[in-house]
Amino acid sequence: MTKSESFSIFSFVGKMKVLHLSWMAFFITFLVWFNHAPLLQSIAASLGLDNEQIKTLLILNVALTIPARIIIGMLTDRFGPRIVYSGLLAVCSIPCFMYAMAETFTQAAIARFLLGFIGAGFVIGIRMVSEWFPANELGTAEGIYGGWGNFGSAAAAFMLPTLALLFGGDDGWRWAVGLTGLISLLFAFVYYANVRDTPKGANYFKPKNVGALEITSKGDFFLLLVMKLPMYAALALLAWKLSPNGVNMLSSGIENAIYVGLGFLFVYDLFHTWKVNKNVFEKPVPELHRYKFKQVAVLNILYFATFGSELAVISMLPLFFADTFSLSPVMAGMVASAYAFMNLMSRPGGGWISDRYGRKPTLLILTGGLAVGYFAMSLIDSQWGLWIAVVVAMACSFFVQAGEGAVFAVVPLIKRRLTGQIAGMTGAYGNVGAVVYLTVLSFVDYSTFFLVIAATAVVGFVTLLFMEEPAGHIAEVNEDGSVELITVN
């Protein structure tokens, strides 16, 4: 099977089979990753949690995904998406079972923190899909992968409260959460047995070095160092939130040890980045093999505002609707699922529009709409009709998720052999955004929270003006030394 096959959404052979199994794997990662959000009220009652501890669980859920996406991106480029995706689904079922059996806040917090690793699954499928689809179909294919997979959070919001009721009793939520872990474990074997990394006869290009992103110019080296800082800052912010100044889960000594550890890790990261890229200071990289890291930097910022806000809003929206409109947990979960429900069409739509009308123009329009959408959500209060609030949330969600689709319509067109690492960094920025937004939420009311997101979308719009429309070819070197040109427009 080759990339020349027709694009038929109802087909389950060749590249379409790989696409369908990949979005299913991603769907399950999101089902597991957000299996707690619609059950928070039941979990809080069962474990005796206060509001501060609930908000801490929300932040912990997205924290580990920051380094996880970087690590998983590197592993994917090195070992291939088939084995890495299968392994992730199997291994992450363990903290899911741990969470289902937690008896204290500390146990729940540790399990929730570890479960953040499953959020890195998205990165793997980006590389897999890019291997099977040509440039003129890539935005649509990546949009379907991301959008239909992201729907796992909506499925969790819609289904899990009902499942918890069906299981019944104070432990109903435990059985619902545990079931998602079992699904993840079983699908790991299904995925491994039914996909390949590339079509027959195609080469799987691997990075020259594993452990740091390759760049191709002196200026890009320093820009890469700057773009690393927010990821470490987000982890430091999390440590502060868990310290005595926050929810007092960590002692001052452990807090300071984390800061020191992050400092040493950052220095090691800089050293390794220099080791991988010092050649650009010794001899210029041939023009044919260069790529512009500023493209990655812009996409990072846009994903901070798009996916970062989606993660944060998905986590808090059931509580927002319950508090604002005095809804039951089941009804609040069902209403909140409307936000994530838009993923079914909006993220594929963003990729499809990008394929046909240009990557940069599409992103400009969607980022502007995102800013307006969150401003509108900041105005929602108990005086609104519930149906109007839901319509506004869904309209905002369209721009958020279509923007995500448009971002990852560009990522695979930058440098093929580095797609996993680039996707990992861009994806990590989404989690940086989530940590920042959820931390903001712990200090402000809902209205201010939505206004902060709108403001960062405006920043994303400005930086987008510096991005260049992908054009021409990506040059990659085969094992025999020959150069293969991959069309990107």
Protein backbone atom coordinates (compact mmCIF):
# COMPACT_ATOMS: atom_id res chain seq x y z
CA MET A 1 0.00 0.00 0.00
CA THR A 2 1.32 3.49 -0.84
CA LYS A 3 0.49 7.11 -0.32
CA SER A 4 -1.11 7.18 -3.79
CA GLU A 5 -4.19 5.29 -2.54
CA SER A 6 -7.43 7.27 -2.57
CA PHE A 7 -8.48 9.09 0.59
CA SER A 8 -11.67 7.31 1.63
CA ILE A 9 -12.82 7.83 5.18
CA PHE A 10 -14.89 4.63 5.06
CA SER A 11 -11.95 2.46 3.99
CA PHE A 12 -10.10 0.28 6.51
CA VAL A 13 -7.12 -0.85 4.41
CA GLY A 14 -3.66 0.56 3.76
CA LYS A 15 -3.07 4.10 4.92
CA MET A 16 -6.70 4.52 6.01
CA LYS A 17 -6.40 1.53 8.34
CA VAL A 18 -3.31 3.10 9.91
CA LEU A 19 -5.16 6.42 10.29
CA HIS A 20 -8.20 4.82 11.92
CA LEU A 21 -6.19 2.69 14.34
CA SER A 22 -4.02 5.70 15.23
CA TRP A 23 -6.94 7.97 16.07
CA MET A 24 -8.45 5.14 18.11
CA ALA A 25 -5.20 4.86 20.08
CA PHE A 26 -5.20 8.62 20.62
CA PHE A 27 -8.90 8.50 21.60
CA ILE A 28 -8.07 5.97 24.32
CA THR A 29 -5.17 8.07 25.64
CA PHE A 30 -7.54 11.02 26.06
CA LEU A 31 -10.25 8.83 27.57
CA VAL A 32 -7.74 7.72 30.21
CA TRP A 33 -6.09 11.13 30.60
CA PHE A 34 -9.37 12.91 31.37
CA ASN A 35 -11.29 10.12 33.06
CA HIS A 36 -11.26 12.14 36.31
CA ALA A 37 -12.69 15.48 35.12
CA PRO A 38 -16.40 14.51 34.93
CA LEU A 39 -16.12 12.46 38.15
CA LEU A 40 -14.41 15.10 40.29
CA GLN A 41 -17.39 15.71 42.54
CA SER A 42 -17.74 11.99 43.33
CA ILE A 43 -13.96 11.62 43.75
CA ALA A 44 -13.81 14.64 46.06
CA ALA A 45 -16.62 13.27 48.22
CA SER A 46 -15.05 9.80 48.35
CA LEU A 47 -11.54 11.00 49.26
CA GLY A 48 -12.59 14.05 51.30
CA LEU A 49 -10.90 16.61 49.04
CA ASP A 50 -11.28 20.38 49.33
CA ASN A 51 -11.43 22.80 46.38
CA GLU A 52 -7.69 23.54 46.51
CA GLN A 53 -6.84 19.85 46.33
CA ILE A 54 -9.22 19.36 43.40
CA LYS A 55 -7.55 22.17 41.46
CA THR A 56 -4.16 20.66 42.30
CA LEU A 57 -5.21 17.35 40.75
CA LEU A 58 -6.16 19.25 37.58
CA ILE A 59 -2.70 20.81 37.38
CA LEU A 60 -0.89 17.56 38.20
CA ASN A 61 -2.77 15.83 35.39
CA VAL A 62 -1.07 17.96 32.73
CA ALA A 63 2.34 18.54 34.38
CA LEU A 64 4.33 15.41 33.48
CA THR A 65 3.13 15.63 29.89
CA ILE A 66 5.53 18.55 29.35
CA PRO A 67 8.75 16.47 29.54
CA ALA A 68 6.88 13.33 28.42
CA ARG A 69 6.07 14.78 25.00
CA ILE A 70 9.71 15.71 24.47
CA ILE A 71 10.88 12.24 25.51
CA ILE A 72 8.21 10.39 23.53
CA GLY A 73 8.96 12.51 20.44
CA MET A 74 12.61 11.45 20.61
CA LEU A 75 11.72 7.79 21.16
CA THR A 76 9.26 7.86 18.27
CA ASP A 77 11.81 9.27 15.83
CA ARG A 78 14.35 6.68 17.00
CA PHE A 79 12.28 3.47 17.38
CA GLY A 80 9.17 4.14 15.28
CA PRO A 81 5.59 4.92 16.28
CA ARG A 82 4.29 1.35 16.27
CA ILE A 83 6.29 0.07 19.22
CA VAL A 84 6.25 3.38 21.13
CA TYR A 85 2.46 3.84 20.93
CA SER A 86 1.81 0.23 21.95
CA GLY A 87 4.21 0.52 24.87
CA LEU A 88 2.70 3.79 26.07
CA LEU A 89 -0.84 2.39 26.11
CA ALA A 90 0.24 -0.67 28.07
CA VAL A 91 2.50 1.05 30.62
CA CYS A 92 0.10 3.90 31.37
CA SER A 93 -2.71 1.52 32.29
CA ILE A 94 -0.78 0.97 35.55
CA PRO A 95 -1.16 4.51 37.04
CA CYS A 96 -4.77 4.44 35.83
CA PHE A 97 -5.42 1.40 38.02
CA MET A 98 -3.50 3.14 40.83
CA TYR A 99 -5.81 6.15 40.60
CA ALA A 100 -8.90 3.92 40.69
CA MET A 101 -7.65 2.37 43.95
CA ALA A 102 -6.44 5.60 45.64
CA GLU A 103 -7.63 6.12 49.23
CA THR A 104 -5.96 9.47 50.02
CA PHE A 105 -5.22 12.76 48.29
CA THR A 106 -1.49 11.94 48.16
CA GLN A 107 -2.11 8.58 46.46
CA ALA A 108 -4.49 10.20 43.98
CA ALA A 109 -2.03 13.03 43.33
CA ILE A 110 0.87 10.67 42.59
CA ALA A 111 -1.25 8.53 40.25
CA ARG A 112 -2.64 11.63 38.51
CA PHE A 113 0.86 13.01 38.04
CA LEU A 114 2.09 9.74 36.50
CA LEU A 115 -0.98 9.58 34.25
CA GLY A 116 0.18 12.80 32.62
CA PHE A 117 2.60 10.64 30.64
CA ILE A 118 -0.23 9.18 28.56
CA GLY A 119 -0.91 12.66 27.22
CA ALA A 120 2.25 12.28 25.14
CA GLY A 121 0.51 9.74 22.89
CA PHE A 122 -0.61 12.47 20.52
CA VAL A 123 2.97 13.09 19.36
CA ILE A 124 3.41 9.49 18.20
CA GLY A 125 0.47 9.52 15.81
CA ILE A 126 1.60 12.78 14.22
CA ARG A 127 4.76 11.01 12.99
CA MET A 128 2.84 7.86 12.02
CA VAL A 129 0.27 9.74 9.92
CA SER A 130 2.97 11.87 8.25
CA GLU A 131 4.65 8.66 7.03
CA TRP A 132 1.49 7.43 5.28
CA PHE A 133 -0.08 10.55 3.70
CA PRO A 134 1.20 13.02 1.04
CA ALA A 135 1.37 16.79 1.67
CA ASN A 136 -1.92 17.57 -0.10
CA GLU A 137 -3.80 15.22 2.26
CA LEU A 138 -1.68 15.64 5.37
CA GLY A 139 -3.60 18.46 7.03
CA THR A 140 -6.88 16.59 6.65
CA ALA A 141 -5.39 13.29 7.85
CA GLU A 142 -3.67 14.88 10.85
CA GLY A 143 -6.89 16.77 11.62
CA ILE A 144 -8.91 13.56 11.64
CA TYR A 145 -6.28 11.88 13.80
CA GLY A 146 -6.20 14.76 16.28
CA GLY A 147 -9.89 15.66 16.23
CA TRP A 148 -11.38 12.19 16.49
CA GLY A 149 -8.75 11.22 19.05
CA ASN A 150 -9.37 14.34 21.13
CA PHE A 151 -13.00 13.31 21.28
CA GLY A 152 -11.91 10.85 23.93
CA SER A 153 -12.22 13.68 26.48
CA ALA A 154 -15.81 14.32 25.39
CA ALA A 155 -16.56 10.60 25.60
CA ALA A 156 -15.18 10.61 29.14
CA ALA A 157 -17.35 13.59 30.11
CA PHE A 158 -20.45 12.03 28.57
CA MET A 159 -20.06 8.35 29.48
CA LEU A 160 -18.12 8.01 32.72
CA PRO A 161 -20.62 9.69 35.11
CA THR A 162 -23.31 7.38 33.71
CA LEU A 163 -21.03 4.34 34.07
CA ALA A 164 -20.25 5.34 37.65
CA LEU A 165 -23.99 5.44 38.38
CA LEU A 166 -24.50 2.06 36.73
CA PHE A 167 -21.73 0.49 38.82
CA GLY A 168 -23.35 2.23 41.78
CA GLY A 169 -22.27 3.03 45.30
CA ASP A 170 -19.42 5.17 46.59
CA ASP A 171 -16.97 3.14 44.49
CA GLY A 172 -18.79 3.61 41.18
CA TRP A 173 -16.20 6.14 40.02
CA ARG A 174 -13.40 3.65 40.76
CA TRP A 175 -14.89 1.02 38.45
CA ALA A 176 -15.45 3.60 35.69
CA VAL A 177 -11.83 4.82 35.91
CA GLY A 178 -10.45 1.28 36.10
CA LEU A 179 -12.39 0.28 32.99
CA THR A 180 -10.58 2.95 30.94
CA GLY A 181 -7.24 1.49 32.08
CA LEU A 182 -8.29 -1.97 30.95
CA ILE A 183 -9.30 -0.62 27.52
CA SER A 184 -5.87 1.03 27.20
CA LEU A 185 -4.05 -2.19 28.07
CA LEU A 186 -6.02 -4.31 25.60
CA PHE A 187 -5.71 -1.85 22.70
CA ALA A 188 -1.91 -1.81 23.09
CA PHE A 189 -1.87 -5.35 21.67
CA VAL A 190 -4.39 -4.50 18.93
CA TYR A 191 -2.28 -1.56 17.72
CA TYR A 192 1.01 -3.46 17.74
CA ALA A 193 -0.47 -6.32 15.71
CA ASN A 194 -2.12 -4.21 13.00
CA VAL A 195 0.12 -1.30 11.93
CA ARG A 196 3.51 -0.66 10.29
CA ASP A 197 5.71 2.42 10.64
CA THR A 198 5.78 3.11 6.90
CA PRO A 199 4.20 1.86 3.66
CA LYS A 200 6.06 -1.02 2.01
CA GLY A 201 9.20 0.19 0.29
CA ALA A 202 9.32 3.54 2.07
CA ASN A 203 12.24 4.65 4.22
CA TYR A 204 11.80 5.62 7.87
CA PHE A 205 14.15 8.58 8.33
CA LYS A 206 15.76 8.78 11.76
CA PRO A 207 17.54 11.77 13.35
CA LYS A 208 21.32 11.78 13.34
CA ASN A 209 21.31 12.29 17.09
CA VAL A 210 18.83 11.39 19.83
CA GLY A 211 18.53 13.54 22.95
CA ALA A 212 18.36 17.05 21.51
CA LEU A 213 16.62 18.70 18.59
CA GLU A 214 18.86 19.37 15.60
CA ILE A 215 18.95 22.95 14.32
CA THR A 216 20.63 24.24 11.16
CA SER A 217 21.90 27.77 11.89
CA LYS A 218 23.60 29.78 14.66
CA GLY A 219 20.59 32.03 15.22
CA ASP A 220 18.29 29.03 15.52
CA PHE A 221 20.55 27.56 18.22
CA PHE A 222 19.97 30.54 20.50
CA LEU A 223 16.24 30.69 19.67
CA LEU A 224 15.97 27.00 20.64
CA LEU A 225 17.55 27.76 24.02
CA VAL A 226 15.07 30.57 24.62
CA MET A 227 12.12 28.33 23.72
CA LYS A 228 13.25 25.73 26.27
CA LEU A 229 12.86 28.14 29.19
CA PRO A 230 9.02 28.16 29.45
CA MET A 231 8.93 24.37 29.77
CA TYR A 232 11.23 24.43 32.81
CA ALA A 233 9.41 27.47 34.19
CA ALA A 234 6.08 25.59 34.01
CA LEU A 235 7.53 22.70 36.02
CA ALA A 236 8.93 25.16 38.57
CA LEU A 237 5.48 26.78 38.76
CA LEU A 238 3.98 23.39 39.52
CA ALA A 239 6.50 22.80 42.32
CA TRP A 240 5.60 26.17 43.81
CA LYS A 241 1.89 25.31 43.60
CA LEU A 242 2.50 22.10 45.57
CA SER A 243 4.73 23.83 48.16
CA PRO A 244 3.66 25.31 51.51
CA ASN A 245 2.86 28.49 49.57
CA GLY A 246 0.25 26.50 47.64
CA VAL A 247 -1.53 23.33 48.76
CA ASN A 248 1.27 22.24 51.13
CA MET A 249 1.71 18.82 49.53
CA LEU A 250 5.50 19.25 49.40
CA SER A 251 7.78 20.56 52.15
CA SER A 252 9.97 23.59 51.59
CA GLY A 253 13.01 21.30 51.44
CA ILE A 254 11.55 19.15 48.67
CA GLU A 255 10.39 22.29 46.84
CA ASN A 256 13.90 23.74 46.87
CA ALA A 257 15.37 20.38 45.84
CA ILE A 258 13.07 20.37 42.80
CA TYR A 259 14.22 23.86 41.84
CA VAL A 260 17.86 22.78 42.11
CA GLY A 261 17.12 19.62 40.13
CA LEU A 262 15.40 21.60 37.38
CA GLY A 263 18.40 23.94 37.28
CA PHE A 264 20.86 21.06 36.84
CA LEU A 265 18.57 19.44 34.26
CA PHE A 266 18.42 22.68 32.30
CA VAL A 267 22.22 22.99 32.32
CA TYR A 268 22.54 19.37 31.16
CA ASP A 269 19.96 20.03 28.45
CA LEU A 270 21.95 23.05 27.24
CA PHE A 271 25.17 21.02 27.20
CA HIS A 272 23.57 18.19 25.22
CA THR A 273 21.97 20.66 22.80
CA TRP A 274 25.40 22.20 22.22
CA LYS A 275 26.98 18.77 21.74
CA VAL A 276 24.43 17.84 19.06
CA ASN A 277 24.50 21.20 17.28
CA LYS A 278 28.04 22.59 17.70
CA ASN A 279 28.73 21.72 14.06
CA VAL A 280 26.67 24.73 12.91
CA PHE A 281 29.30 26.99 14.51
CA GLU A 282 32.11 25.14 12.74
CA LYS A 283 30.66 24.80 9.24
CA PRO A 284 27.42 26.16 7.72
CA VAL A 285 24.73 23.58 6.97
CA PRO A 286 24.09 23.35 3.19
CA GLU A 287 21.01 25.36 2.19
CA LEU A 288 19.28 22.23 0.88
CA HIS A 289 19.25 20.65 4.34
CA ARG A 290 18.28 23.72 6.39
CA TYR A 291 14.97 24.43 8.08
CA LYS A 292 13.89 27.55 9.99
CA PHE A 293 13.37 26.98 13.69
CA LYS A 294 11.31 30.17 13.91
CA GLN A 295 8.54 28.13 12.25
CA VAL A 296 8.62 25.77 15.24
CA ALA A 297 8.74 28.68 17.74
CA VAL A 298 5.60 30.26 16.26
CA LEU A 299 3.74 26.95 16.28
CA ASN A 300 4.78 26.42 19.92
CA ILE A 301 3.18 29.72 20.94
CA LEU A 302 0.02 29.02 18.96
CA TYR A 303 -0.34 25.58 20.54
CA PHE A 304 0.15 27.15 23.97
CA ALA A 305 -3.01 29.18 23.31
CA THR A 306 -5.02 26.52 21.46
CA PHE A 307 -4.35 23.12 23.00
CA GLY A 308 -3.25 24.64 26.30
CA SER A 309 -6.59 26.35 26.66
CA GLU A 310 -8.47 23.22 25.56
CA LEU A 311 -6.76 21.09 28.21
CA ALA A 312 -7.49 23.66 30.90
CA VAL A 313 -11.09 24.27 29.84
CA ILE A 314 -11.91 20.55 29.48
CA SER A 315 -10.62 20.06 33.03
CA MET A 316 -12.69 22.85 34.59
CA LEU A 317 -15.77 23.14 32.36
CA PRO A 318 -17.95 20.56 34.18
CA LEU A 319 -17.34 22.44 37.45
CA PHE A 320 -17.93 25.78 35.69
CA PHE A 321 -21.34 24.73 34.40
CA ALA A 322 -22.24 23.04 37.71
CA ASP A 323 -21.34 26.16 39.74
CA THR A 324 -22.78 28.70 37.31
CA PHE A 325 -26.09 26.98 36.51
CA SER A 326 -26.50 24.71 39.60
CA LEU A 327 -26.40 21.49 37.57
CA SER A 328 -25.98 17.90 38.80
CA PRO A 329 -22.61 16.20 38.11
CA VAL A 330 -24.08 14.04 35.33
CA MET A 331 -25.84 16.96 33.63
CA ALA A 332 -22.78 19.23 34.00
CA GLY A 333 -20.57 16.54 32.42
CA MET A 334 -22.96 16.08 29.52
CA VAL A 335 -23.26 19.83 28.91
CA ALA A 336 -19.49 20.34 29.18
CA SER A 337 -18.89 17.54 26.67
CA ALA A 338 -20.32 19.87 23.99
CA TYR A 339 -17.00 21.78 24.07
CA ALA A 340 -14.92 18.70 23.25
CA PHE A 341 -17.64 17.29 20.98
CA MET A 342 -16.65 19.88 18.35
CA ASN A 343 -13.38 17.98 17.87
CA LEU A 344 -15.16 15.50 15.60
CA MET A 345 -15.43 18.08 12.82
CA SER A 346 -13.54 21.25 13.76
CA ARG A 347 -10.00 19.85 14.03
CA PRO A 348 -10.28 17.88 10.75
CA GLY A 349 -11.88 21.00 9.30
CA GLY A 350 -8.90 23.13 10.33
CA GLY A 351 -6.53 20.69 8.62
CA TRP A 352 -8.73 20.48 5.50
CA ILE A 353 -8.94 24.27 5.15
CA SER A 354 -5.16 24.50 5.56
CA ASP A 355 -4.61 21.95 2.78
CA ARG A 356 -6.72 23.97 0.37
CA TYR A 357 -6.34 27.64 1.30
CA GLY A 358 -2.89 27.91 2.87
CA ARG A 359 -1.43 27.23 6.28
CA LYS A 360 -0.72 30.78 7.44
CA PRO A 361 -3.99 32.48 6.32
CA THR A 362 -5.99 29.71 7.99
CA LEU A 363 -4.09 30.09 11.27
CA LEU A 364 -4.55 33.88 11.26
CA ILE A 365 -8.32 33.61 10.91
CA LEU A 366 -8.68 30.82 13.48
CA THR A 367 -6.44 32.50 16.08
CA GLY A 368 -8.44 35.72 15.77
CA GLY A 369 -11.68 33.76 16.22
CA LEU A 370 -10.20 32.02 19.27
CA ALA A 371 -9.54 35.36 20.98
CA VAL A 372 -13.09 36.56 20.32
CA GLY A 373 -14.54 33.23 21.46
CA TYR A 374 -12.87 33.26 24.86
CA PHE A 375 -13.82 36.91 25.37
CA ALA A 376 -17.44 35.88 24.82
CA MET A 377 -17.08 33.02 27.32
CA SER A 378 -15.81 35.49 29.92
CA LEU A 379 -19.23 37.16 29.80
CA ILE A 380 -21.21 34.00 30.71
CA ASP A 381 -22.97 34.14 34.09
CA SER A 382 -26.04 32.68 35.78
CA GLN A 383 -28.28 35.23 34.06
CA TRP A 384 -27.61 33.63 30.69
CA GLY A 385 -29.80 30.88 29.32
CA LEU A 386 -27.97 27.56 29.56
CA TRP A 387 -28.45 26.81 25.86
CA ILE A 388 -26.91 30.16 24.87
CA ALA A 389 -23.88 29.44 27.07
CA VAL A 390 -23.49 26.02 25.44
CA VAL A 391 -23.69 27.55 21.93
CA VAL A 392 -21.01 30.11 22.83
CA ALA A 393 -18.77 27.38 24.28
CA MET A 394 -19.19 25.27 21.12
CA ALA A 395 -18.46 28.25 18.84
CA CYS A 396 -15.31 29.05 20.83
CA SER A 397 -14.37 25.38 20.72
CA PHE A 398 -14.56 25.37 16.92
CA PHE A 399 -11.83 28.00 16.63
CA VAL A 400 -9.71 26.37 19.34
CA GLN A 401 -9.74 22.90 17.82
CA ALA A 402 -9.64 23.98 14.18
CA GLY A 403 -6.59 26.04 15.19
CA GLU A 404 -4.99 22.90 16.64
CA GLY A 405 -5.65 21.08 13.38
CA ALA A 406 -4.10 23.93 11.41
CA VAL A 407 -1.00 23.97 13.65
CA PHE A 408 -0.35 20.28 13.09
CA ALA A 409 -1.02 20.66 9.38
CA VAL A 410 2.29 22.57 9.42
CA VAL A 411 4.40 20.54 11.92
CA PRO A 412 5.13 17.54 9.62
CA LEU A 413 6.14 19.90 6.79
CA ILE A 414 9.18 21.35 8.57
CA LYS A 415 11.70 18.48 8.70
CA ARG A 416 10.54 14.87 8.22
CA ARG A 417 13.18 13.03 10.25
CA LEU A 418 12.60 15.43 13.18
CA THR A 419 8.79 15.34 13.06
CA GLY A 420 8.46 13.45 16.35
CA GLN A 421 10.75 15.85 18.21
CA ILE A 422 9.15 18.96 16.69
CA ALA A 423 5.68 17.59 17.45
CA GLY A 424 6.90 16.77 20.96
CA MET A 425 8.10 20.30 21.62
CA THR A 426 5.00 21.92 20.13
CA GLY A 427 2.79 19.49 22.02
CA ALA A 428 4.69 20.20 25.24
CA TYR A 429 3.90 23.88 24.82
CA GLY A 430 0.23 22.93 24.88
CA ASN A 431 0.79 21.44 28.32
CA VAL A 432 2.82 24.46 29.42
CA GLY A 433 -0.24 26.51 28.50
CA ALA A 434 -2.50 24.20 30.48
CA VAL A 435 -0.32 24.43 33.61
CA VAL A 436 -0.22 28.23 33.33
CA TYR A 437 -3.95 28.58 32.71
CA LEU A 438 -4.96 26.18 35.49
CA THR A 439 -2.60 27.95 37.89
CA VAL A 440 -4.23 31.25 36.94
CA LEU A 441 -7.63 29.64 37.56
CA SER A 442 -6.60 28.79 41.12
CA PHE A 443 -6.24 32.53 41.84
CA VAL A 444 -9.01 34.20 39.81
CA ASP A 445 -12.68 33.80 38.98
CA TYR A 446 -13.96 32.06 35.84
CA SER A 447 -14.46 35.31 33.89
CA THR A 448 -10.87 36.48 34.41
CA PHE A 449 -9.62 33.00 33.53
CA PHE A 450 -11.27 33.18 30.10
CA LEU A 451 -10.00 36.75 29.56
CA VAL A 452 -6.40 35.64 30.23
CA ILE A 453 -6.73 32.97 27.53
CA ALA A 454 -8.14 35.54 25.09
CA ALA A 455 -5.14 37.82 25.75
CA THR A 456 -2.62 35.06 25.02
CA ALA A 457 -4.47 34.30 21.77
CA VAL A 458 -3.83 37.90 20.73
CA VAL A 459 -0.11 37.37 21.46
CA GLY A 460 -0.23 34.23 19.30
CA PHE A 461 -1.82 36.20 16.46
CA VAL A 462 1.03 38.74 16.52
CA THR A 463 3.78 36.08 16.50
CA LEU A 464 2.00 34.30 13.65
CA LEU A 465 2.82 37.25 11.40
CA PHE A 466 6.46 36.07 11.49
CA MET A 467 5.69 32.55 10.22
CA GLU A 468 6.38 31.67 6.57
CA GLU A 469 4.00 29.61 4.43
CA PRO A 470 5.60 26.14 3.88
CA ALA A 471 6.76 25.73 0.29
CA GLY A 472 9.14 23.66 -1.82
CA HIS A 473 10.64 20.42 -0.52
CA ILE A 474 12.14 18.78 2.56
CA ALA A 475 15.50 17.18 1.75
CA GLU A 476 16.29 13.90 3.56
CA VAL A 477 19.27 11.57 3.05
CA ASN A 478 18.71 7.84 2.43
CA GLU A 479 20.97 5.20 3.95
CA ASP A 480 22.79 4.82 0.61
CA GLY A 481 23.66 8.53 0.62
CA SER A 482 21.13 9.61 -2.02
CA VAL A 483 18.91 12.62 -1.33
CA GLU A 484 15.13 12.27 -1.32
CA LEU A 485 12.97 15.38 -1.78
CA ILE A 486 9.59 15.40 0.01
CA THR A 487 7.04 17.87 -1.36
CA VAL A 488 5.47 20.15 1.27
CA ASN A 489 2.93 22.11 -0.81
